[in-house]
Protein backbone atom coordinates (compact mmCIF):
# COMPACT_ATOMS: atom_id res chain seq x y z
CA MET A 1 92.62 -52.29 84.38
CA VAL A 2 92.16 -49.15 86.39
CA TYR A 3 91.26 -45.74 84.30
CA ILE A 4 93.47 -42.82 86.53
CA PRO A 5 92.39 -39.33 85.15
CA SER A 6 95.07 -37.01 84.15
CA LEU A 7 95.87 -33.97 86.04
CA VAL A 8 94.54 -31.96 83.10
CA ALA A 9 91.21 -34.20 82.76
CA ALA A 10 90.60 -33.57 86.06
CA LEU A 11 91.23 -29.93 86.01
CA ALA A 12 89.34 -29.76 82.88
CA LEU A 13 86.09 -30.38 84.89
CA THR A 14 86.25 -27.62 87.34
CA THR A 15 85.40 -23.97 86.88
CA SER A 16 88.25 -22.60 88.62
CA THR A 17 91.66 -23.81 89.02
CA VAL A 18 93.81 -24.41 91.97
CA GLU A 19 97.37 -23.13 91.46
CA ALA A 20 99.38 -24.96 94.18
CA TRP A 21 98.67 -28.13 95.36
CA ASN A 22 100.33 -28.06 98.87
CA ALA A 23 98.69 -26.76 102.07
CA PRO A 24 98.75 -22.66 101.48
CA GLY A 25 100.99 -20.72 104.23
CA TYR A 26 98.76 -18.15 106.33
CA GLY A 27 99.26 -15.36 107.84
CA GLY A 28 100.08 -15.81 111.84
CA PHE A 29 100.08 -19.73 111.45
CA HIS A 30 102.85 -22.12 111.08
CA LEU A 31 102.53 -25.58 108.74
CA VAL A 32 102.65 -28.58 111.47
CA TRP A 33 102.09 -31.39 109.14
CA GLN A 34 100.39 -31.61 106.15
CA ASP A 35 99.98 -34.84 103.30
CA ALA A 36 99.97 -33.29 99.85
CA PHE A 37 99.35 -36.62 97.96
CA LEU A 38 102.16 -37.12 96.01
CA GLY A 39 103.23 -40.20 94.21
CA ASN A 40 102.09 -41.92 90.98
CA SER A 41 98.75 -42.60 89.53
CA GLY A 42 97.82 -45.68 90.76
CA ASP A 43 100.11 -45.74 93.96
CA SER A 44 98.46 -46.03 97.59
CA PRO A 45 98.94 -42.84 99.33
CA TYR A 46 101.61 -42.39 101.78
CA GLY A 47 101.88 -45.64 104.58
CA PRO A 48 103.79 -43.93 107.09
CA ASN A 49 100.40 -41.44 107.11
CA TRP A 50 97.81 -43.31 106.90
CA ASN A 51 96.13 -46.41 108.80
CA PHE A 52 93.81 -48.07 105.41
CA ILE A 53 90.81 -49.44 106.47
CA THR A 54 89.36 -52.45 105.25
CA GLY A 55 85.82 -54.14 105.76
CA ASN A 56 82.48 -52.88 106.71
CA PRO A 57 82.18 -51.16 110.17
CA GLY A 58 79.15 -52.26 110.74
CA VAL A 59 77.96 -48.73 111.99
CA ASN A 60 75.12 -46.42 110.92
CA GLY A 61 73.99 -49.38 108.94
CA GLU A 62 76.68 -48.89 105.85
CA LEU A 63 76.87 -51.10 102.96
CA GLU A 64 80.37 -50.34 101.96
CA THR A 65 83.00 -52.86 102.51
CA TYR A 66 86.35 -50.78 102.49
CA SER A 67 89.04 -51.81 100.19
CA ALA A 68 93.23 -50.35 100.31
CA SER A 69 92.53 -51.57 96.38
CA ASN A 70 93.83 -48.51 93.91
CA HIS A 71 90.32 -49.47 92.60
CA ASN A 72 88.70 -47.34 95.53
CA LEU A 73 91.75 -45.58 97.00
CA GLN A 74 94.82 -43.74 95.04
CA ILE A 75 96.71 -40.91 94.24
CA SER A 76 95.67 -39.40 90.96
CA GLY A 77 99.12 -38.38 90.02
CA GLY A 78 98.41 -34.80 89.72
CA GLN A 79 98.81 -34.51 93.82
CA THR A 80 95.31 -35.73 94.85
CA VAL A 81 93.84 -38.45 96.38
CA GLN A 82 90.80 -40.55 95.06
CA LEU A 83 88.02 -42.24 97.21
CA VAL A 84 86.26 -44.04 94.81
CA PRO A 85 83.28 -46.30 95.41
CA TRP A 86 82.05 -49.02 93.06
CA ARG A 87 79.05 -51.17 92.92
CA ASP A 88 80.52 -54.89 93.40
CA GLY A 89 78.10 -57.73 93.71
CA SER A 90 80.71 -60.26 95.02
CA VAL A 91 80.90 -58.48 98.33
CA SER A 92 78.33 -58.07 100.89
CA GLY A 93 76.19 -54.87 100.67
CA GLY A 94 77.05 -54.43 97.07
CA TRP A 95 79.20 -51.92 97.63
CA THR A 96 83.56 -51.25 97.87
CA SER A 97 84.81 -48.10 99.06
CA ALA A 98 87.51 -46.63 100.84
CA ARG A 99 88.56 -45.07 104.12
CA MET A 100 91.81 -43.69 105.60
CA GLU A 101 92.85 -42.54 108.95
CA SER A 102 95.72 -40.59 109.95
CA LYS A 103 99.03 -42.40 111.96
CA TYR A 104 99.58 -38.77 112.49
CA VAL A 105 97.83 -37.37 116.19
CA MET A 106 98.02 -33.66 116.47
CA THR A 107 96.51 -32.20 119.95
CA PRO A 108 94.82 -28.09 119.90
CA THR A 109 97.34 -25.70 120.77
CA GLN A 110 97.04 -24.53 124.62
CA GLY A 111 97.00 -20.71 124.56
CA GLY A 112 96.90 -20.72 120.68
CA VAL A 113 94.47 -21.85 117.38
CA THR A 114 94.45 -24.75 116.04
CA ARG A 115 93.86 -24.75 112.51
CA LEU A 116 92.58 -28.09 110.80
CA GLU A 117 91.78 -28.01 106.98
CA ALA A 118 91.53 -30.14 103.18
CA LEU A 119 90.98 -28.73 99.68
CA ILE A 120 88.10 -31.39 98.67
CA ARG A 121 86.15 -31.63 95.58
CA PHE A 122 83.50 -34.38 94.08
CA GLY A 123 83.50 -36.14 91.49
CA GLY A 124 81.48 -34.92 88.48
CA ASN A 125 78.24 -36.84 88.49
CA ASP A 126 74.77 -35.43 88.34
CA PRO A 127 74.17 -34.73 92.47
CA ASN A 128 70.61 -36.55 91.36
CA ASN A 129 72.18 -39.75 90.57
CA LYS A 130 74.72 -39.65 94.10
CA GLN A 131 71.69 -40.93 96.43
CA GLY A 132 72.95 -43.15 99.25
CA LEU A 133 76.61 -41.67 98.94
CA TRP A 134 78.15 -40.10 102.39
CA PRO A 135 81.46 -38.55 101.94
CA ALA A 136 83.22 -37.08 105.19
CA PHE A 137 86.12 -35.43 106.66
CA TRP A 138 86.33 -35.65 110.33
CA LEU A 139 88.58 -35.73 113.21
CA LEU A 140 88.32 -38.42 115.83
CA GLY A 141 89.73 -38.75 119.72
CA ASP A 142 92.90 -40.61 119.88
CA SER A 143 91.65 -41.87 122.81
CA ILE A 144 89.60 -44.60 121.16
CA ARG A 145 91.84 -46.55 119.66
CA HIS A 146 92.79 -47.01 123.77
CA GLY A 147 89.55 -47.78 124.67
CA THR A 148 87.44 -45.11 125.12
CA PRO A 149 84.02 -45.82 123.92
CA TRP A 150 82.15 -43.45 121.04
CA PRO A 151 81.24 -40.37 121.81
CA HIS A 152 82.87 -39.90 124.99
CA CYS A 153 86.48 -40.00 122.83
CA GLY A 154 85.18 -36.86 120.97
CA GLU A 155 84.35 -36.08 116.93
CA LEU A 156 84.20 -33.11 114.91
CA ASP A 157 82.69 -33.20 111.15
CA VAL A 158 84.36 -30.98 109.51
CA LEU A 159 82.64 -31.85 106.73
CA GLU A 160 79.87 -33.87 105.50
CA THR A 161 77.52 -34.48 102.45
CA ILE A 162 74.20 -36.98 101.82
CA ASP A 163 73.15 -38.11 98.49
CA GLY A 164 75.15 -35.59 96.23
CA ARG A 165 73.28 -32.89 97.85
CA LEU A 166 74.80 -29.30 97.59
CA THR A 167 75.02 -28.97 101.59
CA GLY A 168 77.79 -29.12 103.37
CA TYR A 169 77.40 -30.64 107.09
CA GLY A 170 79.72 -29.68 110.30
CA THR A 171 79.23 -31.60 113.54
CA ALA A 172 80.27 -32.00 116.85
CA HIS A 173 79.55 -35.49 118.81
CA CYS A 174 81.00 -35.78 123.06
CA GLY A 175 79.70 -36.78 125.72
CA VAL A 176 76.93 -40.37 126.38
CA TYR A 177 74.74 -41.85 123.77
CA PRO A 178 71.88 -40.87 123.76
CA GLY A 179 70.93 -37.83 124.67
CA GLY A 180 73.56 -35.73 126.58
CA VAL A 181 75.12 -32.27 125.98
CA CYS A 182 76.07 -33.06 122.53
CA ASN A 183 72.37 -34.25 122.33
CA GLU A 184 73.24 -37.56 120.87
CA GLY A 185 73.18 -39.62 118.27
CA THR A 186 72.48 -36.41 116.42
CA GLY A 187 75.18 -34.25 117.92
CA ILE A 188 75.32 -30.59 117.76
CA GLY A 189 75.63 -29.32 113.93
CA GLY A 190 75.66 -26.45 111.36
CA ASN A 191 75.25 -26.65 107.23
CA ILE A 192 76.20 -24.18 104.57
CA GLY A 193 75.19 -24.60 100.91
CA ILE A 194 78.08 -25.41 98.88
CA PRO A 195 78.64 -23.53 95.52
CA ASP A 196 79.20 -26.24 92.87
CA GLN A 197 81.06 -29.89 93.07
CA ASN A 198 84.12 -28.13 92.72
CA TRP A 199 86.99 -27.65 94.75
CA HIS A 200 86.60 -25.85 98.34
CA THR A 201 88.60 -25.70 101.61
CA TRP A 202 86.70 -26.99 104.25
CA ARG A 203 88.28 -26.01 108.01
CA ILE A 204 87.85 -26.32 111.76
CA GLU A 205 89.75 -23.63 113.96
CA ILE A 206 90.20 -24.82 117.71
CA ASP A 207 90.74 -21.15 119.63
CA ARG A 208 92.18 -22.49 122.86
CA ARG A 209 93.40 -18.68 123.61
CA PRO A 210 91.09 -17.60 126.74
CA THR A 211 92.20 -18.68 129.97
CA ASP A 212 88.91 -20.05 130.62
CA TRP A 213 87.65 -23.06 129.19
CA HIS A 214 83.96 -21.78 129.13
CA SER A 215 85.04 -19.08 126.46
CA GLU A 216 87.15 -21.62 123.92
CA THR A 217 85.75 -22.33 120.71
CA VAL A 218 85.34 -24.45 118.04
CA ASN A 219 84.41 -23.16 114.70
CA TRP A 220 83.57 -24.22 111.00
CA PHE A 221 84.58 -22.77 107.85
CA MET A 222 83.82 -23.17 104.53
CA ASP A 223 86.32 -21.14 102.24
CA GLY A 224 86.58 -18.98 104.89
CA GLN A 225 82.99 -18.46 105.68
CA LEU A 226 82.43 -19.35 108.93
CA PHE A 227 79.01 -21.67 109.40
CA GLN A 228 79.01 -23.07 113.10
CA SER A 229 80.78 -21.99 116.26
CA ILE A 230 80.45 -24.30 119.67
CA SER A 231 81.65 -22.62 122.89
CA GLY A 232 83.05 -24.71 126.10
CA ALA A 233 80.06 -22.64 127.68
CA ARG A 234 77.49 -24.32 125.80
CA ILE A 235 78.78 -28.08 126.26
CA ASN A 236 79.16 -26.82 129.94
CA ASP A 237 81.00 -30.22 130.87
CA PRO A 238 84.58 -29.62 131.42
CA ASP A 239 85.10 -33.73 130.70
CA ALA A 240 82.93 -33.53 127.35
CA TRP A 241 84.27 -30.07 126.05
CA TYR A 242 88.26 -31.65 127.16
CA ASN A 243 87.22 -34.50 124.52
CA LEU A 244 85.83 -32.53 122.43
CA ALA A 245 88.32 -29.67 122.26
CA GLU A 246 91.26 -30.28 123.78
CA SER A 247 92.43 -33.66 123.59
CA PRO A 248 94.51 -35.59 120.77
CA LYS A 249 92.58 -36.21 116.96
CA PHE A 250 93.11 -37.89 114.41
CA PHE A 251 92.00 -36.90 110.68
CA ILE A 252 90.04 -39.82 108.73
CA LEU A 253 88.45 -39.48 104.95
CA ASN A 254 86.31 -41.49 104.03
CA MET A 255 83.19 -42.25 101.28
CA ALA A 256 80.35 -43.94 102.86
CA VAL A 257 77.97 -46.20 101.30
CA GLY A 258 74.50 -46.00 102.82
CA GLY A 259 73.40 -46.02 105.90
CA GLN A 260 70.38 -44.21 108.59
CA TRP A 261 71.35 -40.54 107.17
CA PRO A 262 71.51 -40.67 103.66
CA GLY A 263 69.06 -43.84 102.99
CA TYR A 264 70.62 -45.98 100.50
CA PRO A 265 71.68 -46.08 96.73
CA ASN A 266 68.73 -46.82 94.39
CA GLY A 267 68.91 -47.45 90.49
CA ASN A 268 69.88 -44.05 89.75
CA THR A 269 72.80 -44.39 91.53
CA GLN A 270 76.09 -44.04 89.88
CA ASP A 271 79.22 -45.21 91.18
CA GLY A 272 83.16 -44.89 89.59
CA TYR A 273 85.07 -41.63 89.62
CA GLY A 274 82.37 -39.37 88.74
CA SER A 275 80.92 -40.04 92.64
CA MET A 276 84.51 -40.14 94.24
CA MET A 277 85.56 -37.36 96.99
CA GLU A 278 88.83 -36.50 95.96
CA VAL A 279 91.30 -34.50 98.23
CA ALA A 280 93.85 -32.03 97.23
CA TYR A 281 95.77 -32.04 101.04
CA VAL A 282 95.12 -32.14 104.45
CA ALA A 283 96.96 -30.11 106.88
CA HIS A 284 97.36 -28.88 111.03
CA TYR A 285 98.49 -25.32 111.48
CA SER A 286 99.29 -24.04 114.61
CA THR A 287 99.68 -20.05 115.97
C-alpha cells in the first residue's frame, strides 16, 4: 500500500505555510493557465493537462526508469503533485521515478512580459543523503515534438538542483551541440543559494516589450529575487534567440536519478517521499 502524506503532515515539515495553493494573482499580470493539482490522494495528475513519460530517456547517463504509477507520481490530496524516486532492483538502473510534460503549449507574448512559475519544495531527507538525485522544473521548445533537434529547439531550465545541494541553477540551452552561442553542452547558467528545502517560488520572465529583439531578455527569479538574466544581444543570433525566447514551449517537471552532472547514488542515498520533488502549482501569466 502506498503511503500518502496528508497535507497537515506535509505542512508540519515546513517552517512556513502557504495560504493558498492556487497560483497567486499579481498586479499587472493576468493568469493565462495553471494546474493547481486538485484531486484525491493517490490520483494521477489531470490527464488532459499532462503527458506522463515512461521508461528511461536515454540521455545524460541517467539511471531512472520513469513510471506513471502512483508509487512515483501522484496527487497528494493537499493540492500538490509529488514526484517520488524509489530504489527498485527489478528495473534497469535500479531506480524508478517520474516525469510529466504539459500538453499545454505557451508562446511568449510579443510586446509584453510572460511569467512562468511554479511553487516547489523538496522532501525532508538530509541533503547529505541525496547524492545522485536531480529534480528539475523546465521548459522545452515545442518544435522538438515536430522533429527539431536539441538544443536548436531551445530549452529554459527554471530550476535544477543536484545531490541535495541547497543551490538552484537556472540555465539556457540553444543553438548547436557542441559549442555554439549557448556553449553546449553546458549552456548559459546562473545559480542562487536556497534557504532551505521548503516552499519557494521559481520563475522565468520573458520580456518581449522592446521592439528590437537584441534588447529582449529572459530573467530567472527565486522568491522574486533575480539571479540570472540573458539578453538577445548576448546570444546575438536571431534564430537561436527566436527558439530560446520567442517560440512555443511546454512545461516539464521531473525527478532524474544519476547522470554525468550529479553523479550517481551511493549507499547513503535515500529514496521515497523524503527525497521527492513536490509542486503546488505551475502557472503561465502575461501582461
